[in-house]
All heavy atoms as atom14 arrays in JSON, in Angstrom:
{
  "sequence": "TALVGALGGLRDAYILLKHPLLSFPFAKEPLGLQVGNFYEPMGLERTN",
  "atom14_mask": [
    [1, 1, 1, 1, 1, 1, 1, 0, 0, 0, 0, 0, 0, 0],
    [1, 1, 1, 1, 1, 0, 0, 0, 0, 0, 0, 0, 0, 0],
    [1, 1, 1, 1, 1, 1, 1, 1, 0, 0, 0, 0, 0, 0],
    [1, 1, 1, 1, 1, 1, 1, 0, 0, 0, 0, 0, 0, 0],
    [1, 1, 1, 1, 0, 0, 0, 0, 0, 0, 0, 0, 0, 0],
    [1, 1, 1, 1, 1, 0, 0, 0, 0, 0, 0, 0, 0, 0],
    [1, 1, 1, 1, 1, 1, 1, 1, 0, 0, 0, 0, 0, 0],
    [1, 1, 1, 1, 0, 0, 0, 0, 0, 0, 0, 0, 0, 0],
    [1, 1, 1, 1, 0, 0, 0, 0, 0, 0, 0, 0, 0, 0],
    [1, 1, 1, 1, 1, 1, 1, 1, 0, 0, 0, 0, 0, 0],
    [1, 1, 1, 1, 1, 1, 1, 1, 1, 1, 1, 0, 0, 0],
    [1, 1, 1, 1, 1, 1, 1, 1, 0, 0, 0, 0, 0, 0],
    [1, 1, 1, 1, 1, 0, 0, 0, 0, 0, 0, 0, 0, 0],
    [1, 1, 1, 1, 1, 1, 1, 1, 1, 1, 1, 1, 0, 0],
    [1, 1, 1, 1, 1, 1, 1, 1, 0, 0, 0, 0, 0, 0],
    [1, 1, 1, 1, 1, 1, 1, 1, 0, 0, 0, 0, 0, 0],
    [1, 1, 1, 1, 1, 1, 1, 1, 0, 0, 0, 0, 0, 0],
    [1, 1, 1, 1, 1, 1, 1, 1, 1, 0, 0, 0, 0, 0],
    [1, 1, 1, 1, 1, 1, 1, 1, 1, 1, 0, 0, 0, 0],
    [1, 1, 1, 1, 1, 1, 1, 0, 0, 0, 0, 0, 0, 0],
    [1, 1, 1, 1, 1, 1, 1, 1, 0, 0, 0, 0, 0, 0],
    [1, 1, 1, 1, 1, 1, 1, 1, 0, 0, 0, 0, 0, 0],
    [1, 1, 1, 1, 1, 1, 0, 0, 0, 0, 0, 0, 0, 0],
    [1, 1, 1, 1, 1, 1, 1, 1, 1, 1, 1, 0, 0, 0],
    [1, 1, 1, 1, 1, 1, 1, 0, 0, 0, 0, 0, 0, 0],
    [1, 1, 1, 1, 1, 1, 1, 1, 1, 1, 1, 0, 0, 0],
    [1, 1, 1, 1, 1, 0, 0, 0, 0, 0, 0, 0, 0, 0],
    [1, 1, 1, 1, 1, 1, 1, 1, 1, 0, 0, 0, 0, 0],
    [1, 1, 1, 1, 1, 1, 1, 1, 1, 0, 0, 0, 0, 0],
    [1, 1, 1, 1, 1, 1, 1, 0, 0, 0, 0, 0, 0, 0],
    [1, 1, 1, 1, 1, 1, 1, 1, 0, 0, 0, 0, 0, 0],
    [1, 1, 1, 1, 0, 0, 0, 0, 0, 0, 0, 0, 0, 0],
    [1, 1, 1, 1, 1, 1, 1, 1, 0, 0, 0, 0, 0, 0],
    [1, 1, 1, 1, 1, 1, 1, 1, 1, 0, 0, 0, 0, 0],
    [1, 1, 1, 1, 1, 1, 1, 0, 0, 0, 0, 0, 0, 0],
    [1, 1, 1, 1, 0, 0, 0, 0, 0, 0, 0, 0, 0, 0],
    [1, 1, 1, 1, 1, 1, 1, 1, 0, 0, 0, 0, 0, 0],
    [1, 1, 1, 1, 1, 1, 1, 1, 1, 1, 1, 0, 0, 0],
    [1, 1, 1, 1, 1, 1, 1, 1, 1, 1, 1, 1, 0, 0],
    [1, 1, 1, 1, 1, 1, 1, 1, 1, 0, 0, 0, 0, 0],
    [1, 1, 1, 1, 1, 1, 1, 0, 0, 0, 0, 0, 0, 0],
    [1, 1, 1, 1, 1, 1, 1, 1, 0, 0, 0, 0, 0, 0],
    [1, 1, 1, 1, 0, 0, 0, 0, 0, 0, 0, 0, 0, 0],
    [1, 1, 1, 1, 1, 1, 1, 1, 0, 0, 0, 0, 0, 0],
    [1, 1, 1, 1, 1, 1, 1, 1, 1, 0, 0, 0, 0, 0],
    [1, 1, 1, 1, 1, 1, 1, 1, 1, 1, 1, 0, 0, 0],
    [1, 1, 1, 1, 1, 1, 1, 0, 0, 0, 0, 0, 0, 0],
    [1, 1, 1, 1, 1, 1, 1, 1, 0, 0, 0, 0, 0, 0]
  ],
  "atom14_positions": [
    [[-49.56, -7.54, -1.22], [-49.79, -8.43, -2.33], [-51.2, -8.31, -2.92], [-51.55, -8.98, -3.86], [-49.59, -9.9, -1.89], [-50.54, -10.2, -0.86], [-48.2, -10.11, -1.36], [0.0, 0.0, 0.0], [0.0, 0.0, 0.0], [0.0, 0.0, 0.0], [0.0, 0.0, 0.0], [0.0, 0.0, 0.0], [0.0, 0.0, 0.0], [0.0, 0.0, 0.0]],
    [[-52.02, -7.4, -2.35], [-53.41, -7.32, -2.77], [-53.57, -6.78, -4.19], [-54.56, -7.09, -4.84], [-54.17, -6.45, -1.77], [0.0, 0.0, 0.0], [0.0, 0.0, 0.0], [0.0, 0.0, 0.0], [0.0, 0.0, 0.0], [0.0, 0.0, 0.0], [0.0, 0.0, 0.0], [0.0, 0.0, 0.0], [0.0, 0.0, 0.0], [0.0, 0.0, 0.0]],
    [[-52.63, -5.98, -4.65], [-52.82, -5.28, -5.92], [-52.55, -6.18, -7.1], [-53.26, -6.09, -8.11], [-51.93, -4.03, -5.97], [-52.28, -2.91, -4.94], [-51.33, -1.77, -5.09], [-53.72, -2.48, -5.1], [0.0, 0.0, 0.0], [0.0, 0.0, 0.0], [0.0, 0.0, 0.0], [0.0, 0.0, 0.0], [0.0, 0.0, 0.0], [0.0, 0.0, 0.0]],
    [[-51.55, -7.0, -7.07], [-51.16, -7.76, -8.27], [-51.05, -9.26, -8.0], [-50.45, -9.97, -8.77], [-49.83, -7.23, -8.84], [-49.98, -5.84, -9.41], [-48.73, -7.27, -7.81], [0.0, 0.0, 0.0], [0.0, 0.0, 0.0], [0.0, 0.0, 0.0], [0.0, 0.0, 0.0], [0.0, 0.0, 0.0], [0.0, 0.0, 0.0], [0.0, 0.0, 0.0]],
    [[-51.66, -9.72, -6.93], [-51.7, -11.15, -6.67], [-50.45, -11.69, -6.02], [-49.63, -10.92, -5.49], [0.0, 0.0, 0.0], [0.0, 0.0, 0.0], [0.0, 0.0, 0.0], [0.0, 0.0, 0.0], [0.0, 0.0, 0.0], [0.0, 0.0, 0.0], [0.0, 0.0, 0.0], [0.0, 0.0, 0.0], [0.0, 0.0, 0.0], [0.0, 0.0, 0.0]],
    [[-50.26, -12.98, -6.1], [-49.19, -13.65, -5.38], [-47.8, -13.12, -5.8], [-46.91, -13.04, -5.01], [-49.27, -15.15, -5.56], [0.0, 0.0, 0.0], [0.0, 0.0, 0.0], [0.0, 0.0, 0.0], [0.0, 0.0, 0.0], [0.0, 0.0, 0.0], [0.0, 0.0, 0.0], [0.0, 0.0, 0.0], [0.0, 0.0, 0.0], [0.0, 0.0, 0.0]],
    [[-47.64, -12.82, -7.1], [-46.34, -12.36, -7.53], [-45.94, -11.08, -6.86], [-44.78, -10.78, -6.76], [-46.37, -12.15, -9.07], [-46.31, -13.41, -9.91], [-46.4, -13.04, -11.4], [-45.04, -14.18, -9.66], [0.0, 0.0, 0.0], [0.0, 0.0, 0.0], [0.0, 0.0, 0.0], [0.0, 0.0, 0.0], [0.0, 0.0, 0.0], [0.0, 0.0, 0.0]],
    [[-46.9, -10.31, -6.41], [-46.57, -9.04, -5.74], [-45.81, -9.24, -4.48], [-45.16, -8.31, -3.97], [0.0, 0.0, 0.0], [0.0, 0.0, 0.0], [0.0, 0.0, 0.0], [0.0, 0.0, 0.0], [0.0, 0.0, 0.0], [0.0, 0.0, 0.0], [0.0, 0.0, 0.0], [0.0, 0.0, 0.0], [0.0, 0.0, 0.0], [0.0, 0.0, 0.0]],
    [[-45.85, -10.46, -3.87], [-45.07, -10.69, -2.66], [-43.61, -10.93, -2.89], [-42.82, -10.93, -1.96], [0.0, 0.0, 0.0], [0.0, 0.0, 0.0], [0.0, 0.0, 0.0], [0.0, 0.0, 0.0], [0.0, 0.0, 0.0], [0.0, 0.0, 0.0], [0.0, 0.0, 0.0], [0.0, 0.0, 0.0], [0.0, 0.0, 0.0], [0.0, 0.0, 0.0]],
    [[-43.2, -11.14, -4.13], [-41.81, -11.36, -4.46], [-41.04, -10.05, -4.4], [-41.43, -9.1, -5.08], [-41.67, -12.01, -5.85], [-40.3, -12.53, -6.22], [-39.86, -13.67, -5.3], [-40.31, -13.02, -7.67], [0.0, 0.0, 0.0], [0.0, 0.0, 0.0], [0.0, 0.0, 0.0], [0.0, 0.0, 0.0], [0.0, 0.0, 0.0], [0.0, 0.0, 0.0]],
    [[-39.94, -9.99, -3.66], [-39.18, -8.78, -3.57], [-37.78, -9.04, -4.21], [-37.71, -9.19, -5.39], [-39.08, -8.34, -2.1], [-40.45, -7.93, -1.52], [-41.04, -6.76, -2.29], [-42.31, -6.33, -1.75], [-43.48, -6.55, -2.34], [-43.54, -7.21, -3.45], [-44.62, -6.08, -1.77], [0.0, 0.0, 0.0], [0.0, 0.0, 0.0], [0.0, 0.0, 0.0]],
    [[-36.75, -9.05, -3.42], [-35.42, -9.37, -4.03], [-35.4, -10.83, -4.56], [-35.78, -11.77, -3.81], [-34.31, -9.21, -2.99], [-33.98, -7.75, -2.71], [-34.27, -6.91, -3.58], [-33.5, -7.43, -1.6], [0.0, 0.0, 0.0], [0.0, 0.0, 0.0], [0.0, 0.0, 0.0], [0.0, 0.0, 0.0], [0.0, 0.0, 0.0], [0.0, 0.0, 0.0]],
    [[-34.97, -10.96, -5.78], [-34.82, -12.31, -6.36], [-33.79, -12.22, -7.47], [-34.12, -11.87, -8.62], [-36.14, -12.83, -6.9], [0.0, 0.0, 0.0], [0.0, 0.0, 0.0], [0.0, 0.0, 0.0], [0.0, 0.0, 0.0], [0.0, 0.0, 0.0], [0.0, 0.0, 0.0], [0.0, 0.0, 0.0], [0.0, 0.0, 0.0], [0.0, 0.0, 0.0]],
    [[-32.51, -12.46, -7.15], [-31.47, -12.24, -8.15], [-30.25, -13.19, -7.91], [-30.13, -13.79, -6.86], [-30.99, -10.81, -8.08], [-30.33, -10.35, -6.8], [-29.03, -10.68, -6.5], [-31.06, -9.6, -5.87], [-28.44, -10.28, -5.32], [-30.49, -9.18, -4.7], [-29.19, -9.5, -4.42], [-28.58, -9.11, -3.24], [0.0, 0.0, 0.0], [0.0, 0.0, 0.0]],
    [[-29.46, -13.28, -8.95], [-28.13, -13.88, -8.84], [-27.08, -12.83, -9.24], [-27.39, -11.93, -10.04], [-28.0, -15.13, -9.72], [-28.28, -14.81, -11.19], [-28.9, -16.25, -9.21], [-28.03, -15.97, -12.14], [0.0, 0.0, 0.0], [0.0, 0.0, 0.0], [0.0, 0.0, 0.0], [0.0, 0.0, 0.0], [0.0, 0.0, 0.0], [0.0, 0.0, 0.0]],
    [[-25.89, -12.94, -8.66], [-24.83, -11.96, -8.91], [-23.53, -12.73, -9.14], [-23.14, -13.59, -8.33], [-24.72, -11.04, -7.68], [-23.59, -10.0, -7.71], [-23.79, -8.99, -8.8], [-23.54, -9.29, -6.36], [0.0, 0.0, 0.0], [0.0, 0.0, 0.0], [0.0, 0.0, 0.0], [0.0, 0.0, 0.0], [0.0, 0.0, 0.0], [0.0, 0.0, 0.0]],
    [[-22.87, -12.44, -10.23], [-21.6, -13.09, -10.61], [-20.45, -12.12, -10.45], [-20.5, -11.01, -10.97], [-21.68, -13.6, -12.04], [-20.36, -14.14, -12.64], [-19.88, -15.38, -11.91], [-20.51, -14.41, -14.12], [0.0, 0.0, 0.0], [0.0, 0.0, 0.0], [0.0, 0.0, 0.0], [0.0, 0.0, 0.0], [0.0, 0.0, 0.0], [0.0, 0.0, 0.0]],
    [[-19.41, -12.54, -9.73], [-18.18, -11.77, -9.58], [-17.0, -12.7, -9.95], [-16.42, -13.34, -9.07], [-18.0, -11.23, -8.14], [-19.04, -10.18, -7.76], [-18.81, -9.66, -6.35], [-19.79, -8.63, -5.94], [-19.57, -8.13, -4.55], [0.0, 0.0, 0.0], [0.0, 0.0, 0.0], [0.0, 0.0, 0.0], [0.0, 0.0, 0.0], [0.0, 0.0, 0.0]],
    [[-16.67, -12.73, -11.22], [-15.65, -13.65, -11.73], [-14.29, -12.95, -11.77], [-14.22, -11.76, -12.15], [-16.04, -14.15, -13.11], [-15.28, -15.38, -13.53], [-13.96, -15.35, -14.0], [-15.64, -16.69, -13.51], [-13.57, -16.56, -14.27], [-14.56, -17.41, -13.99], [0.0, 0.0, 0.0], [0.0, 0.0, 0.0], [0.0, 0.0, 0.0], [0.0, 0.0, 0.0]],
    [[-13.2, -13.64, -11.42], [-11.86, -13.01, -11.44], [-11.5, -12.44, -12.82], [-10.71, -11.52, -12.91], [-10.95, -14.18, -11.04], [-11.81, -15.09, -10.26], [-13.16, -15.01, -10.82], [0.0, 0.0, 0.0], [0.0, 0.0, 0.0], [0.0, 0.0, 0.0], [0.0, 0.0, 0.0], [0.0, 0.0, 0.0], [0.0, 0.0, 0.0], [0.0, 0.0, 0.0]],
    [[-12.07, -13.01, -13.89], [-11.74, -12.5, -15.22], [-12.28, -11.08, -15.42], [-11.84, -10.35, -16.33], [-12.36, -13.4, -16.31], [-11.74, -14.8, -16.41], [-12.47, -15.62, -17.46], [-10.25, -14.69, -16.78], [0.0, 0.0, 0.0], [0.0, 0.0, 0.0], [0.0, 0.0, 0.0], [0.0, 0.0, 0.0], [0.0, 0.0, 0.0], [0.0, 0.0, 0.0]],
    [[-13.21, -10.65, -14.58], [-13.78, -9.31, -14.65], [-13.15, -8.34, -13.67], [-13.73, -7.31, -13.3], [-15.3, -9.36, -14.4], [-16.09, -10.29, -15.31], [-17.55, -10.33, -14.89], [-15.97, -9.83, -16.77], [0.0, 0.0, 0.0], [0.0, 0.0, 0.0], [0.0, 0.0, 0.0], [0.0, 0.0, 0.0], [0.0, 0.0, 0.0], [0.0, 0.0, 0.0]],
    [[-11.92, -8.64, -13.25], [-11.21, -7.81, -12.27], [-10.57, -6.61, -12.93], [-10.16, -6.66, -14.09], [-10.15, -8.65, -11.54], [-10.73, -9.7, -10.84], [0.0, 0.0, 0.0], [0.0, 0.0, 0.0], [0.0, 0.0, 0.0], [0.0, 0.0, 0.0], [0.0, 0.0, 0.0], [0.0, 0.0, 0.0], [0.0, 0.0, 0.0], [0.0, 0.0, 0.0]],
    [[-10.5, -5.54, -12.15], [-9.8, -4.32, -12.57], [-8.81, -3.94, -11.48], [-9.12, -4.07, -10.28], [-10.77, -3.19, -12.84], [-11.71, -3.45, -13.98], [-12.94, -4.08, -13.77], [-11.36, -3.09, -15.26], [-13.82, -4.34, -14.84], [-12.23, -3.3, -16.33], [-13.45, -3.94, -16.11], [0.0, 0.0, 0.0], [0.0, 0.0, 0.0], [0.0, 0.0, 0.0]],
    [[-7.62, -3.42, -11.83], [-6.6, -3.14, -10.82], [-7.02, -2.04, -9.84], [-6.51, -2.0, -8.73], [-5.4, -2.72, -11.67], [-5.95, -2.31, -12.98], [-7.14, -3.16, -13.2], [0.0, 0.0, 0.0], [0.0, 0.0, 0.0], [0.0, 0.0, 0.0], [0.0, 0.0, 0.0], [0.0, 0.0, 0.0], [0.0, 0.0, 0.0], [0.0, 0.0, 0.0]],
    [[-7.95, -1.16, -10.22], [-8.33, -0.07, -9.34], [-9.56, -0.4, -8.49], [-10.03, 0.48, -7.73], [-8.66, 1.17, -10.18], [-9.61, 0.93, -11.3], [-10.99, 0.93, -11.1], [-9.13, 0.64, -12.6], [-11.85, 0.71, -12.14], [-9.99, 0.41, -13.66], [-11.39, 0.42, -13.42], [0.0, 0.0, 0.0], [0.0, 0.0, 0.0], [0.0, 0.0, 0.0]],
    [[-10.09, -1.61, -8.58], [-11.29, -2.0, -7.84], [-10.95, -3.04, -6.77], [-10.01, -3.82, -6.94], [-12.38, -2.51, -8.78], [0.0, 0.0, 0.0], [0.0, 0.0, 0.0], [0.0, 0.0, 0.0], [0.0, 0.0, 0.0], [0.0, 0.0, 0.0], [0.0, 0.0, 0.0], [0.0, 0.0, 0.0], [0.0, 0.0, 0.0], [0.0, 0.0, 0.0]],
    [[-11.77, -3.08, -5.74], [-11.56, -4.02, -4.64], [-11.98, -5.43, -5.0], [-11.41, -6.42, -4.54], [-12.31, -3.56, -3.38], [-11.67, -2.45, -2.63], [-10.52, -2.98, -1.81], [-9.95, -1.9, -0.9], [-8.83, -2.39, -0.09], [0.0, 0.0, 0.0], [0.0, 0.0, 0.0], [0.0, 0.0, 0.0], [0.0, 0.0, 0.0], [0.0, 0.0, 0.0]],
    [[-13.05, -5.54, -5.81], [-13.58, -6.84, -6.23], [-13.83, -6.83, -7.72], [-13.88, -5.75, -8.34], [-14.9, -7.14, -5.5], [-14.76, -7.39, -4.03], [-16.11, -7.79, -3.39], [-17.11, -7.19, -3.71], [-16.1, -8.71, -2.57], [0.0, 0.0, 0.0], [0.0, 0.0, 0.0], [0.0, 0.0, 0.0], [0.0, 0.0, 0.0], [0.0, 0.0, 0.0]],
    [[-14.01, -8.0, -8.31], [-14.33, -8.01, -9.77], [-15.65, -7.32, -10.06], [-16.5, -7.13, -9.18], [-14.41, -9.54, -10.07], [-13.66, -10.2, -9.0], [-13.81, -9.35, -7.77], [0.0, 0.0, 0.0], [0.0, 0.0, 0.0], [0.0, 0.0, 0.0], [0.0, 0.0, 0.0], [0.0, 0.0, 0.0], [0.0, 0.0, 0.0], [0.0, 0.0, 0.0]],
    [[-15.84, -6.95, -11.28], [-17.11, -6.39, -11.75], [-18.22, -7.36, -11.48], [-18.15, -8.57, -11.77], [-17.04, -6.07, -13.24], [-18.31, -5.52, -13.89], [-18.56, -4.09, -13.49], [-18.21, -5.63, -15.41], [0.0, 0.0, 0.0], [0.0, 0.0, 0.0], [0.0, 0.0, 0.0], [0.0, 0.0, 0.0], [0.0, 0.0, 0.0], [0.0, 0.0, 0.0]],
    [[-19.31, -6.91, -10.84], [-20.42, -7.74, -10.53], [-21.52, -7.63, -11.59], [-21.88, -6.56, -12.01], [0.0, 0.0, 0.0], [0.0, 0.0, 0.0], [0.0, 0.0, 0.0], [0.0, 0.0, 0.0], [0.0, 0.0, 0.0], [0.0, 0.0, 0.0], [0.0, 0.0, 0.0], [0.0, 0.0, 0.0], [0.0, 0.0, 0.0], [0.0, 0.0, 0.0]],
    [[-22.02, -8.77, -12.04], [-23.1, -8.83, -13.02], [-24.34, -9.39, -12.33], [-24.31, -10.54, -11.86], [-22.7, -9.69, -14.25], [-21.48, -9.18, -15.04], [-21.19, -10.15, -16.17], [-21.7, -7.78, -15.54], [0.0, 0.0, 0.0], [0.0, 0.0, 0.0], [0.0, 0.0, 0.0], [0.0, 0.0, 0.0], [0.0, 0.0, 0.0], [0.0, 0.0, 0.0]],
    [[-25.41, -8.63, -12.3], [-26.6, -8.98, -11.53], [-27.8, -9.16, -12.46], [-28.02, -8.33, -13.35], [-26.9, -7.88, -10.5], [-27.91, -8.19, -9.45], [-28.0, -7.11, -8.4], [-27.44, -6.02, -8.56], [-28.69, -7.37, -7.32], [0.0, 0.0, 0.0], [0.0, 0.0, 0.0], [0.0, 0.0, 0.0], [0.0, 0.0, 0.0], [0.0, 0.0, 0.0]],
    [[-28.57, -10.21, -12.25], [-29.77, -10.49, -13.04], [-30.89, -10.9, -12.09], [-30.71, -11.72, -11.23], [-29.51, -11.64, -14.07], [-30.79, -11.89, -14.9], [-28.36, -11.3, -14.96], [0.0, 0.0, 0.0], [0.0, 0.0, 0.0], [0.0, 0.0, 0.0], [0.0, 0.0, 0.0], [0.0, 0.0, 0.0], [0.0, 0.0, 0.0], [0.0, 0.0, 0.0]],
    [[-32.1, -10.29, -12.31], [-33.25, -10.67, -11.52], [-34.1, -9.48, -11.17], [-34.22, -8.51, -11.93], [0.0, 0.0, 0.0], [0.0, 0.0, 0.0], [0.0, 0.0, 0.0], [0.0, 0.0, 0.0], [0.0, 0.0, 0.0], [0.0, 0.0, 0.0], [0.0, 0.0, 0.0], [0.0, 0.0, 0.0], [0.0, 0.0, 0.0], [0.0, 0.0, 0.0]],
    [[-34.75, -9.52, -10.0], [-35.61, -8.48, -9.49], [-34.93, -7.79, -8.31], [-34.72, -8.42, -7.27], [-36.95, -9.1, -9.07], [-38.02, -8.03, -8.78], [-38.31, -7.19, -9.65], [-38.58, -8.06, -7.58], [0.0, 0.0, 0.0], [0.0, 0.0, 0.0], [0.0, 0.0, 0.0], [0.0, 0.0, 0.0], [0.0, 0.0, 0.0], [0.0, 0.0, 0.0]],
    [[-34.56, -6.5, -8.45], [-33.85, -5.79, -7.42], [-34.04, -4.32, -7.61], [-34.58, -3.85, -8.62], [-32.34, -6.17, -7.4], [-31.66, -6.02, -8.77], [-30.99, -4.86, -9.07], [-31.71, -7.06, -9.68], [-30.35, -4.72, -10.29], [-31.07, -6.91, -10.92], [-30.39, -5.73, -11.2], [0.0, 0.0, 0.0], [0.0, 0.0, 0.0], [0.0, 0.0, 0.0]],
    [[-33.6, -3.53, -6.6], [-33.74, -2.11, -6.65], [-32.94, -1.48, -7.81], [-31.78, -1.8, -8.02], [-33.28, -1.45, -5.37], [-34.35, -1.36, -4.3], [-34.14, -1.91, -3.06], [-35.54, -0.67, -4.52], [-35.14, -1.86, -2.04], [-36.5, -0.59, -3.58], [-36.3, -1.15, -2.33], [-37.28, -1.08, -1.39], [0.0, 0.0, 0.0], [0.0, 0.0, 0.0]],
    [[-33.56, -0.57, -8.53], [-32.82, 0.23, -9.46], [-31.87, 1.13, -8.68], [-32.26, 1.65, -7.62], [-33.77, 1.06, -10.33], [-34.67, 0.28, -11.23], [-35.43, 1.14, -12.22], [-35.03, 2.3, -12.42], [-36.4, 0.67, -12.82], [0.0, 0.0, 0.0], [0.0, 0.0, 0.0], [0.0, 0.0, 0.0], [0.0, 0.0, 0.0], [0.0, 0.0, 0.0]],
    [[-30.65, 1.35, -9.18], [-29.7, 2.19, -8.46], [-30.06, 3.68, -8.6], [-29.6, 4.37, -9.48], [-28.36, 1.86, -9.11], [-28.73, 1.43, -10.5], [-30.08, 0.76, -10.4], [0.0, 0.0, 0.0], [0.0, 0.0, 0.0], [0.0, 0.0, 0.0], [0.0, 0.0, 0.0], [0.0, 0.0, 0.0], [0.0, 0.0, 0.0], [0.0, 0.0, 0.0]],
    [[-30.93, 4.15, -7.69], [-31.39, 5.52, -7.76], [-31.62, 6.04, -6.33], [-32.62, 5.73, -5.69], [-32.71, 5.6, -8.54], [-33.3, 6.98, -8.7], [-32.32, 8.03, -9.82], [-33.08, 9.62, -9.58], [0.0, 0.0, 0.0], [0.0, 0.0, 0.0], [0.0, 0.0, 0.0], [0.0, 0.0, 0.0], [0.0, 0.0, 0.0], [0.0, 0.0, 0.0]],
    [[-30.66, 6.81, -5.84], [-30.84, 7.47, -4.53], [-30.29, 6.63, -3.38], [-30.17, 5.4, -3.44], [0.0, 0.0, 0.0], [0.0, 0.0, 0.0], [0.0, 0.0, 0.0], [0.0, 0.0, 0.0], [0.0, 0.0, 0.0], [0.0, 0.0, 0.0], [0.0, 0.0, 0.0], [0.0, 0.0, 0.0], [0.0, 0.0, 0.0], [0.0, 0.0, 0.0]],
    [[-30.0, 7.33, -2.27], [-29.45, 6.73, -1.1], [-30.57, 6.1, -0.24], [-30.48, 4.95, 0.17], [-28.68, 7.8, -0.27], [-28.21, 7.43, 1.13], [-27.27, 6.2, 1.1], [-27.51, 8.57, 1.79], [0.0, 0.0, 0.0], [0.0, 0.0, 0.0], [0.0, 0.0, 0.0], [0.0, 0.0, 0.0], [0.0, 0.0, 0.0], [0.0, 0.0, 0.0]],
    [[-31.59, 6.88, 0.04], [-32.64, 6.4, 0.93], [-33.46, 5.26, 0.3], [-33.82, 4.29, 0.96], [-33.57, 7.53, 1.28], [-34.53, 7.22, 2.42], [-35.41, 8.38, 2.81], [-35.84, 9.15, 1.92], [-35.68, 8.57, 4.02], [0.0, 0.0, 0.0], [0.0, 0.0, 0.0], [0.0, 0.0, 0.0], [0.0, 0.0, 0.0], [0.0, 0.0, 0.0]],
    [[-33.69, 5.34, -1.03], [-34.51, 4.3, -1.68], [-33.8, 2.95, -1.7], [-34.41, 1.93, -1.48], [-34.83, 4.73, -3.12], [-35.38, 3.65, -4.01], [-36.62, 3.01, -3.43], [-37.79, 3.87, -3.49], [-39.0, 3.55, -2.97], [-39.14, 2.37, -2.39], [-40.0, 4.37, -3.04], [0.0, 0.0, 0.0], [0.0, 0.0, 0.0], [0.0, 0.0, 0.0]],
    [[-32.51, 2.94, -1.94], [-31.78, 1.67, -2.06], [-31.43, 1.08, -0.72], [-30.92, -0.06, -0.68], [-30.52, 1.83, -2.92], [-29.69, 2.86, -2.36], [-30.91, 2.21, -4.36], [0.0, 0.0, 0.0], [0.0, 0.0, 0.0], [0.0, 0.0, 0.0], [0.0, 0.0, 0.0], [0.0, 0.0, 0.0], [0.0, 0.0, 0.0], [0.0, 0.0, 0.0]],
    [[-31.57, 1.84, 0.36], [-31.24, 1.31, 1.69], [-32.42, 0.49, 2.23], [-33.57, 0.87, 2.12], [-30.93, 2.46, 2.65], [-29.97, 2.04, 3.75], [-29.25, 1.04, 3.64], [-29.93, 2.79, 4.81], [0.0, 0.0, 0.0], [0.0, 0.0, 0.0], [0.0, 0.0, 0.0], [0.0, 0.0, 0.0], [0.0, 0.0, 0.0], [0.0, 0.0, 0.0]]
  ]
}
Protein backbone atom coordinates (compact mmCIF):
# COMPACT_ATOMS: atom_id res chain seq x y z
CA THR A 1 0.00 0.00 0.00
CA ALA A 2 3.02 2.31 0.15
CA LEU A 3 2.85 3.42 -3.47
CA VAL A 4 -0.69 4.75 -3.80
CA GLY A 5 -1.96 5.09 -0.25
CA ALA A 6 -4.84 3.35 1.47
CA LEU A 7 -6.69 2.58 -1.74
CA GLY A 8 -3.77 0.44 -2.82
CA GLY A 9 -4.78 -2.14 -0.20
CA LEU A 10 -8.08 -2.84 -1.96
CA ARG A 11 -7.89 -5.99 -4.07
CA ASP A 12 -10.99 -7.93 -5.19
CA ALA A 13 -14.10 -5.78 -4.84
CA TYR A 14 -16.96 -6.77 -7.15
CA ILE A 15 -20.54 -7.94 -7.57
CA LEU A 16 -21.57 -10.66 -10.02
CA LEU A 17 -25.07 -11.25 -11.40
CA LYS A 18 -26.20 -14.61 -12.80
CA HIS A 19 -29.87 -14.18 -13.70
CA PRO A 20 -31.94 -17.04 -15.21
CA LEU A 21 -32.99 -14.69 -18.04
CA LEU A 22 -29.36 -14.78 -19.21
CA SER A 23 -29.32 -18.56 -19.56
CA PHE A 24 -28.15 -20.41 -22.66
CA PRO A 25 -28.94 -24.07 -23.42
CA PHE A 26 -25.28 -24.92 -24.05
CA ALA A 27 -23.98 -23.42 -20.76
CA LYS A 28 -24.00 -24.80 -17.22
CA GLU A 29 -24.98 -21.49 -15.60
CA PRO A 30 -26.46 -18.19 -16.79
CA LEU A 31 -24.21 -15.54 -18.28
CA GLY A 32 -22.41 -13.76 -15.44
CA LEU A 33 -22.14 -9.96 -15.41
CA GLN A 34 -19.34 -8.66 -13.19
CA VAL A 35 -18.68 -5.07 -12.05
CA GLY A 36 -15.91 -3.81 -9.79
CA ASN A 37 -12.18 -4.33 -9.25
CA PHE A 38 -10.94 -7.76 -10.36
CA TYR A 39 -8.35 -9.53 -12.50
CA GLU A 40 -8.45 -8.95 -16.21
CA PRO A 41 -8.96 -12.32 -17.96
CA MET A 42 -5.41 -12.75 -19.27
CA GLY A 43 -3.44 -15.94 -18.73
CA LEU A 44 -3.65 -18.99 -16.49
CA GLU A 45 -0.99 -18.17 -13.90
CA ARG A 46 -1.98 -14.50 -13.52
CA THR A 47 -5.66 -15.17 -12.82
CA ASN A 48 -4.96 -17.99 -10.35
